[in-house]
Amino acid sequence: MGIYVSVRGWLECDERQLAAVQTIIAAYDDGHYSHGWGTPRQHLNWTHYVFFGADMRESALEWFLEQVREIAAVPASDADGDRITGVFFASHESTGMSEWQIRGGQVAIAPGDVRYRYLDA
């Protein structure tokens, strides 16, 4: 049957970075888990949000993490220097939850905080 990981979270970026994010997502299209990505039906105000949610096989986790790392590396698009930020929670059936923080061009992975354990119930 396999081991599953529930992955959910979001990214925050500007309009130019959004175009780069969409290009990266399209490059990783697998016809299955890539359908977990979504954006609001209509953009509101200045920040663009990109969401992901899927229960995926453990074997696909590195594929997903690779694309999140590529997205995190997208450079700032203007003089204010803002990079893409975000957070994902990955709940592994065997090893529990981890938190992926997207900031400063990197993905920092740490054990999930106990405050978010209710998401695994």
C-alpha atoms as a PDB file:
ATOM      1  CA  MET A   1       0.000   0.000   0.000  1.00  0.00           C
ATOM      2  CA  GLY A   2       2.882   2.395   0.675  1.00  0.00           C
ATOM      3  CA  ILE A   3       3.579   5.217   3.085  1.00  0.00           C
ATOM      4  CA  TYR A   4       1.897   8.580   2.580  1.00  0.00           C
ATOM      5  CA  VAL A   5       2.829  12.132   3.492  1.00  0.00           C
ATOM      6  CA  SER A   6       0.223  14.896   3.721  1.00  0.00           C
ATOM      7  CA  VAL A   7       1.779  18.087   2.388  1.00  0.00           C
ATOM      8  CA  ARG A   8       0.046  21.443   2.640  1.00  0.00           C
ATOM      9  CA  GLY A   9       1.175  25.035   2.623  1.00  0.00           C
ATOM     10  CA  TRP A  10       1.640  28.216   0.676  1.00  0.00           C
ATOM     11  CA  LEU A  11       4.087  30.619  -0.930  1.00  0.00           C
ATOM     12  CA  GLU A  12       4.034  34.424  -0.973  1.00  0.00           C
ATOM     13  CA  CYS A  13       5.584  36.367  -3.849  1.00  0.00           C
ATOM     14  CA  ASP A  14       5.214  39.331  -6.170  1.00  0.00           C
ATOM     15  CA  GLU A  15       3.869  39.327  -9.723  1.00  0.00           C
ATOM     16  CA  ARG A  16       7.224  38.732 -11.460  1.00  0.00           C
ATOM     17  CA  GLN A  17       8.151  35.965  -9.038  1.00  0.00           C
ATOM     18  CA  LEU A  18       4.720  34.390  -9.588  1.00  0.00           C
ATOM     19  CA  ALA A  19       5.532  33.995 -13.283  1.00  0.00           C
ATOM     20  CA  ALA A  20       8.788  32.231 -12.349  1.00  0.00           C
ATOM     21  CA  VAL A  21       6.958  30.001  -9.838  1.00  0.00           C
ATOM     22  CA  GLN A  22       4.403  29.012 -12.462  1.00  0.00           C
ATOM     23  CA  THR A  23       7.196  28.167 -14.917  1.00  0.00           C
ATOM     24  CA  ILE A  24       8.886  25.929 -12.332  1.00  0.00           C
ATOM     25  CA  ILE A  25       5.622  24.196 -11.443  1.00  0.00           C
ATOM     26  CA  ALA A  26       4.924  23.561 -15.139  1.00  0.00           C
ATOM     27  CA  ALA A  27       8.414  22.099 -15.606  1.00  0.00           C
ATOM     28  CA  TYR A  28       7.708  19.553 -12.844  1.00  0.00           C
ATOM     29  CA  ASP A  29       4.246  18.608 -14.132  1.00  0.00           C
ATOM     30  CA  ASP A  30       3.738  14.917 -13.462  1.00  0.00           C
ATOM     31  CA  GLY A  31       0.053  14.820 -14.391  1.00  0.00           C
ATOM     32  CA  HIS A  32      -0.868  13.782 -10.843  1.00  0.00           C
ATOM     33  CA  TYR A  33       0.598  15.456  -7.743  1.00  0.00           C
ATOM     34  CA  SER A  34       1.248  18.655  -9.666  1.00  0.00           C
ATOM     35  CA  HIS A  35      -2.536  19.146  -9.633  1.00  0.00           C
ATOM     36  CA  GLY A  36      -2.181  19.960  -5.917  1.00  0.00           C
ATOM     37  CA  TRP A  37      -0.949  23.471  -6.774  1.00  0.00           C
ATOM     38  CA  GLY A  38      -3.477  26.309  -6.891  1.00  0.00           C
ATOM     39  CA  THR A  39      -3.897  30.066  -6.813  1.00  0.00           C
ATOM     40  CA  PRO A  40      -6.834  32.306  -5.910  1.00  0.00           C
ATOM     41  CA  ARG A  41      -9.443  32.754  -8.656  1.00  0.00           C
ATOM     42  CA  GLN A  42      -8.673  36.470  -8.679  1.00  0.00           C
ATOM     43  CA  HIS A  43      -5.645  38.374  -7.384  1.00  0.00           C
ATOM     44  CA  LEU A  44      -6.306  40.717  -4.462  1.00  0.00           C
ATOM     45  CA  ASN A  45      -4.070  43.653  -3.527  1.00  0.00           C
ATOM     46  CA  TRP A  46      -0.281  43.242  -3.822  1.00  0.00           C
ATOM     47  CA  THR A  47       0.906  39.840  -2.550  1.00  0.00           C
ATOM     48  CA  HIS A  48       0.444  36.798  -4.769  1.00  0.00           C
ATOM     49  CA  TYR A  49      -0.232  33.490  -3.033  1.00  0.00           C
ATOM     50  CA  VAL A  50       0.350  29.990  -4.348  1.00  0.00           C
ATOM     51  CA  PHE A  51      -1.069  27.062  -2.396  1.00  0.00           C
ATOM     52  CA  PHE A  52      -0.366  23.340  -2.382  1.00  0.00           C
ATOM     53  CA  GLY A  53      -2.176  20.469  -0.769  1.00  0.00           C
ATOM     54  CA  ALA A  54      -1.953  16.737  -1.444  1.00  0.00           C
ATOM     55  CA  ASP A  55      -1.549  13.381   0.209  1.00  0.00           C
ATOM     56  CA  MET A  56       1.395  11.903  -1.671  1.00  0.00           C
ATOM     57  CA  ARG A  57       3.399   8.742  -1.606  1.00  0.00           C
ATOM     58  CA  GLU A  58       6.634   9.049   0.325  1.00  0.00           C
ATOM     59  CA  SER A  59       8.507   8.223  -2.885  1.00  0.00           C
ATOM     60  CA  ALA A  60       7.266  11.518  -4.457  1.00  0.00           C
ATOM     61  CA  LEU A  61       8.363  13.693  -1.549  1.00  0.00           C
ATOM     62  CA  GLU A  62      11.880  14.381  -2.856  1.00  0.00           C
ATOM     63  CA  TRP A  63      10.406  15.345  -6.267  1.00  0.00           C
ATOM     64  CA  PHE A  64       8.183  17.887  -4.534  1.00  0.00           C
ATOM     65  CA  LEU A  65      10.903  19.187  -2.223  1.00  0.00           C
ATOM     66  CA  GLU A  66      13.229  19.656  -5.203  1.00  0.00           C
ATOM     67  CA  GLN A  67      10.711  21.952  -6.880  1.00  0.00           C
ATOM     68  CA  VAL A  68      10.104  23.897  -3.644  1.00  0.00           C
ATOM     69  CA  ARG A  69      13.871  24.424  -3.345  1.00  0.00           C
ATOM     70  CA  GLU A  70      13.998  25.675  -6.934  1.00  0.00           C
ATOM     71  CA  ILE A  71      11.102  28.040  -6.206  1.00  0.00           C
ATOM     72  CA  ALA A  72      12.810  29.292  -3.028  1.00  0.00           C
ATOM     73  CA  ALA A  73      15.903  30.170  -5.085  1.00  0.00           C
ATOM     74  CA  VAL A  74      13.971  32.576  -7.348  1.00  0.00           C
ATOM     75  CA  PRO A  75      15.692  35.948  -6.876  1.00  0.00           C
ATOM     76  CA  ALA A  76      14.087  39.170  -5.719  1.00  0.00           C
ATOM     77  CA  SER A  77      12.516  40.960  -8.658  1.00  0.00           C
ATOM     78  CA  ASP A  78      12.885  44.571  -7.586  1.00  0.00           C
ATOM     79  CA  ALA A  79      14.950  46.960  -5.480  1.00  0.00           C
ATOM     80  CA  ASP A  80      13.274  46.112  -2.171  1.00  0.00           C
ATOM     81  CA  GLY A  81      14.940  42.691  -2.270  1.00  0.00           C
ATOM     82  CA  ASP A  82      11.944  40.638  -1.110  1.00  0.00           C
ATOM     83  CA  ARG A  83      12.384  36.923  -1.770  1.00  0.00           C
ATOM     84  CA  ILE A  84       9.679  34.302  -1.952  1.00  0.00           C
ATOM     85  CA  THR A  85       8.531  33.228   1.496  1.00  0.00           C
ATOM     86  CA  GLY A  86       6.187  30.536   2.705  1.00  0.00           C
ATOM     87  CA  VAL A  87       5.597  27.533   4.886  1.00  0.00           C
ATOM     88  CA  PHE A  88       4.610  23.916   4.320  1.00  0.00           C
ATOM     89  CA  PHE A  89       3.694  21.218   6.794  1.00  0.00           C
ATOM     90  CA  ALA A  90       4.544  17.648   5.810  1.00  0.00           C
ATOM     91  CA  SER A  91       2.888  14.984   7.967  1.00  0.00           C
ATOM     92  CA  HIS A  92       4.606  11.640   7.461  1.00  0.00           C
ATOM     93  CA  GLU A  93       2.712   8.495   8.493  1.00  0.00           C
ATOM     94  CA  SER A  94       5.774   7.066  10.234  1.00  0.00           C
ATOM     95  CA  THR A  95       8.039   9.925  11.311  1.00  0.00           C
ATOM     96  CA  GLY A  96       5.490  12.641  12.134  1.00  0.00           C
ATOM     97  CA  MET A  97       5.299  16.257  11.060  1.00  0.00           C
ATOM     98  CA  SER A  98       7.991  18.522   9.691  1.00  0.00           C
ATOM     99  CA  GLU A  99       7.818  22.230   8.928  1.00  0.00           C
ATOM    100  CA  TRP A 100       9.396  23.619   5.775  1.00  0.00           C
ATOM    101  CA  GLN A 101      10.125  27.343   5.978  1.00  0.00           C
ATOM    102  CA  ILE A 102      10.811  29.064   2.672  1.00  0.00           C
ATOM    103  CA  ARG A 103      12.888  32.193   3.286  1.00  0.00           C
ATOM    104  CA  GLY A 104      16.113  33.819   2.173  1.00  0.00           C
ATOM    105  CA  GLY A 105      16.350  31.670  -0.940  1.00  0.00           C
ATOM    106  CA  GLN A 106      16.431  28.437   1.083  1.00  0.00           C
ATOM    107  CA  VAL A 107      14.139  25.755   2.485  1.00  0.00           C
ATOM    108  CA  ALA A 108      14.750  25.216   6.205  1.00  0.00           C
ATOM    109  CA  ILE A 109      13.300  21.937   7.486  1.00  0.00           C
ATOM    110  CA  ALA A 110      12.610  21.386  11.175  1.00  0.00           C
ATOM    111  CA  PRO A 111      10.406  19.083  13.237  1.00  0.00           C
ATOM    112  CA  GLY A 112       6.823  20.323  13.317  1.00  0.00           C
ATOM    113  CA  ASP A 113       5.906  22.405  16.339  1.00  0.00           C
ATOM    114  CA  VAL A 114       3.544  20.708  18.781  1.00  0.00           C
ATOM    115  CA  ARG A 115       1.070  23.549  18.196  1.00  0.00           C
ATOM    116  CA  TYR A 116       0.349  22.127  14.744  1.00  0.00           C
ATOM    117  CA  ARG A 117      -0.085  18.484  15.757  1.00  0.00           C
ATOM    118  CA  TYR A 118      -3.862  18.920  15.631  1.00  0.00           C
ATOM    119  CA  LEU A 119      -3.477  18.910  11.840  1.00  0.00           C
ATOM    120  CA  ASP A 120      -2.411  15.260  12.035  1.00  0.00           C
ATOM    121  CA  ALA A 121      -5.514  14.141  13.962  1.00  0.00           C
END
